[in-house]
Amino acid sequence: MSEFRYAVNVVPKPGILDPQGRAVELSLPHLNITTVSRVRVGRRVELTVAADTEALALGVVDGLAKEMLSNPLIEAYTIELLVSAL
């Protein structure tokens, strides 16, 4: 059995209000930053899965992302393979 390291990145879906992102965006001019826009604030969850194959590990992570780590009505997620531990 191998270990697979993943990151799940969760952000509000397009069109969903993001008060944290808006607050960051409104603060940028106070730092003389005028070239950044459409800020979205989300969260990142990193985890290690023990599985026989990468496909099985990814299935576990995808299930967690859908059922527990995100709200599918208002959030979108991406899964990123970080490192395969030996």
C-alpha atoms as a PDB file:
ATOM      1  CA  MET A   1       0.000   0.000   0.000  1.00  0.00           C
ATOM      2  CA  SER A   2       1.256   3.478  -0.887  1.00  0.00           C
ATOM      3  CA  GLU A   3       0.554   6.903   0.542  1.00  0.00           C
ATOM      4  CA  PHE A   4      -0.620   9.766  -1.651  1.00  0.00           C
ATOM      5  CA  ARG A   5      -0.598  13.417  -0.570  1.00  0.00           C
ATOM      6  CA  TYR A   6      -3.336  15.736  -1.865  1.00  0.00           C
ATOM      7  CA  ALA A   7      -4.542  19.297  -1.474  1.00  0.00           C
ATOM      8  CA  VAL A   8      -8.204  20.158  -1.876  1.00  0.00           C
ATOM      9  CA  ASN A   9      -8.751  23.822  -2.762  1.00  0.00           C
ATOM     10  CA  VAL A  10     -12.276  25.119  -2.132  1.00  0.00           C
ATOM     11  CA  VAL A  11     -13.558  28.503  -3.356  1.00  0.00           C
ATOM     12  CA  PRO A  12     -16.971  30.113  -3.783  1.00  0.00           C
ATOM     13  CA  LYS A  13     -18.550  29.374  -7.170  1.00  0.00           C
ATOM     14  CA  PRO A  14     -18.694  32.213  -9.699  1.00  0.00           C
ATOM     15  CA  GLY A  15     -21.631  34.474  -8.949  1.00  0.00           C
ATOM     16  CA  ILE A  16     -21.722  33.568  -5.243  1.00  0.00           C
ATOM     17  CA  LEU A  17     -21.046  36.490  -2.915  1.00  0.00           C
ATOM     18  CA  ASP A  18     -17.616  36.350  -1.295  1.00  0.00           C
ATOM     19  CA  PRO A  19     -17.491  38.924   1.536  1.00  0.00           C
ATOM     20  CA  GLN A  20     -13.918  38.002   2.506  1.00  0.00           C
ATOM     21  CA  GLY A  21     -12.715  38.346  -1.057  1.00  0.00           C
ATOM     22  CA  ARG A  22     -14.503  41.668  -1.374  1.00  0.00           C
ATOM     23  CA  ALA A  23     -12.933  42.957   1.859  1.00  0.00           C
ATOM     24  CA  VAL A  24      -9.467  42.028   0.600  1.00  0.00           C
ATOM     25  CA  GLU A  25     -10.150  43.665  -2.744  1.00  0.00           C
ATOM     26  CA  LEU A  26     -11.342  46.885  -1.115  1.00  0.00           C
ATOM     27  CA  SER A  27      -8.205  46.989   1.054  1.00  0.00           C
ATOM     28  CA  LEU A  28      -5.767  46.732  -1.845  1.00  0.00           C
ATOM     29  CA  PRO A  29      -5.821  50.433  -2.836  1.00  0.00           C
ATOM     30  CA  HIS A  30      -4.733  51.292   0.730  1.00  0.00           C
ATOM     31  CA  LEU A  31      -1.568  49.302  -0.039  1.00  0.00           C
ATOM     32  CA  ASN A  32      -1.169  51.113  -3.378  1.00  0.00           C
ATOM     33  CA  ILE A  33      -2.068  47.920  -5.253  1.00  0.00           C
ATOM     34  CA  THR A  34      -4.320  48.800  -8.167  1.00  0.00           C
ATOM     35  CA  THR A  35      -3.675  45.946 -10.596  1.00  0.00           C
ATOM     36  CA  VAL A  36      -5.409  43.144  -8.672  1.00  0.00           C
ATOM     37  CA  SER A  37      -9.132  42.414  -9.030  1.00  0.00           C
ATOM     38  CA  ARG A  38     -11.750  39.652  -8.650  1.00  0.00           C
ATOM     39  CA  VAL A  39     -10.316  38.383  -5.370  1.00  0.00           C
ATOM     40  CA  ARG A  40     -11.850  35.136  -4.098  1.00  0.00           C
ATOM     41  CA  VAL A  41     -11.021  33.760  -0.660  1.00  0.00           C
ATOM     42  CA  GLY A  42     -11.266  30.041  -0.039  1.00  0.00           C
ATOM     43  CA  ARG A  43      -9.583  27.336   1.958  1.00  0.00           C
ATOM     44  CA  ARG A  44      -7.062  24.570   1.401  1.00  0.00           C
ATOM     45  CA  VAL A  45      -7.121  21.160   3.041  1.00  0.00           C
ATOM     46  CA  GLU A  46      -4.069  18.887   2.772  1.00  0.00           C
ATOM     47  CA  LEU A  47      -4.326  15.174   3.498  1.00  0.00           C
ATOM     48  CA  THR A  48      -2.538  11.864   3.029  1.00  0.00           C
ATOM     49  CA  VAL A  49      -4.401   8.774   1.827  1.00  0.00           C
ATOM     50  CA  ALA A  50      -3.122   5.207   2.059  1.00  0.00           C
ATOM     51  CA  ALA A  51      -4.315   3.187  -0.955  1.00  0.00           C
ATOM     52  CA  ASP A  52      -3.199   0.498  -3.374  1.00  0.00           C
ATOM     53  CA  THR A  53      -3.345   2.867  -6.366  1.00  0.00           C
ATOM     54  CA  GLU A  54      -3.421   6.581  -7.056  1.00  0.00           C
ATOM     55  CA  ALA A  55      -6.858   6.170  -8.661  1.00  0.00           C
ATOM     56  CA  LEU A  56      -8.278   4.676  -5.457  1.00  0.00           C
ATOM     57  CA  ALA A  57      -6.705   7.433  -3.349  1.00  0.00           C
ATOM     58  CA  LEU A  58      -8.107  10.096  -5.659  1.00  0.00           C
ATOM     59  CA  GLY A  59     -11.557   8.521  -5.352  1.00  0.00           C
ATOM     60  CA  VAL A  60     -11.386   8.811  -1.568  1.00  0.00           C
ATOM     61  CA  VAL A  61     -10.298  12.443  -1.762  1.00  0.00           C
ATOM     62  CA  ASP A  62     -12.968  13.295  -4.336  1.00  0.00           C
ATOM     63  CA  GLY A  63     -15.643  11.736  -2.129  1.00  0.00           C
ATOM     64  CA  LEU A  64     -14.438  13.713   0.894  1.00  0.00           C
ATOM     65  CA  ALA A  65     -14.345  16.926  -1.127  1.00  0.00           C
ATOM     66  CA  LYS A  66     -17.937  16.404  -2.336  1.00  0.00           C
ATOM     67  CA  GLU A  67     -19.435  15.207   0.944  1.00  0.00           C
ATOM     68  CA  MET A  68     -17.518  16.992   3.680  1.00  0.00           C
ATOM     69  CA  LEU A  69     -14.983  19.578   2.543  1.00  0.00           C
ATOM     70  CA  SER A  70     -17.220  21.664   0.285  1.00  0.00           C
ATOM     71  CA  ASN A  71     -20.821  22.756  -0.080  1.00  0.00           C
ATOM     72  CA  PRO A  72     -21.655  21.807  -3.692  1.00  0.00           C
ATOM     73  CA  LEU A  73     -24.420  24.414  -3.897  1.00  0.00           C
ATOM     74  CA  ILE A  74     -22.103  27.385  -3.411  1.00  0.00           C
ATOM     75  CA  GLU A  75     -18.523  26.112  -3.631  1.00  0.00           C
ATOM     76  CA  ALA A  76     -16.262  24.567  -6.235  1.00  0.00           C
ATOM     77  CA  TYR A  77     -13.181  22.500  -5.496  1.00  0.00           C
ATOM     78  CA  THR A  78     -10.055  21.283  -7.216  1.00  0.00           C
ATOM     79  CA  ILE A  79      -7.819  18.420  -6.171  1.00  0.00           C
ATOM     80  CA  GLU A  80      -4.058  18.612  -6.501  1.00  0.00           C
ATOM     81  CA  LEU A  81      -1.647  15.691  -6.086  1.00  0.00           C
ATOM     82  CA  LEU A  82       1.219  17.013  -3.970  1.00  0.00           C
ATOM     83  CA  VAL A  83       3.637  14.163  -3.319  1.00  0.00           C
ATOM     84  CA  SER A  84       3.526  10.406  -3.431  1.00  0.00           C
ATOM     85  CA  ALA A  85       5.191   9.252  -0.221  1.00  0.00           C
ATOM     86  CA  LEU A  86       7.304   6.116  -0.477  1.00  0.00           C
END
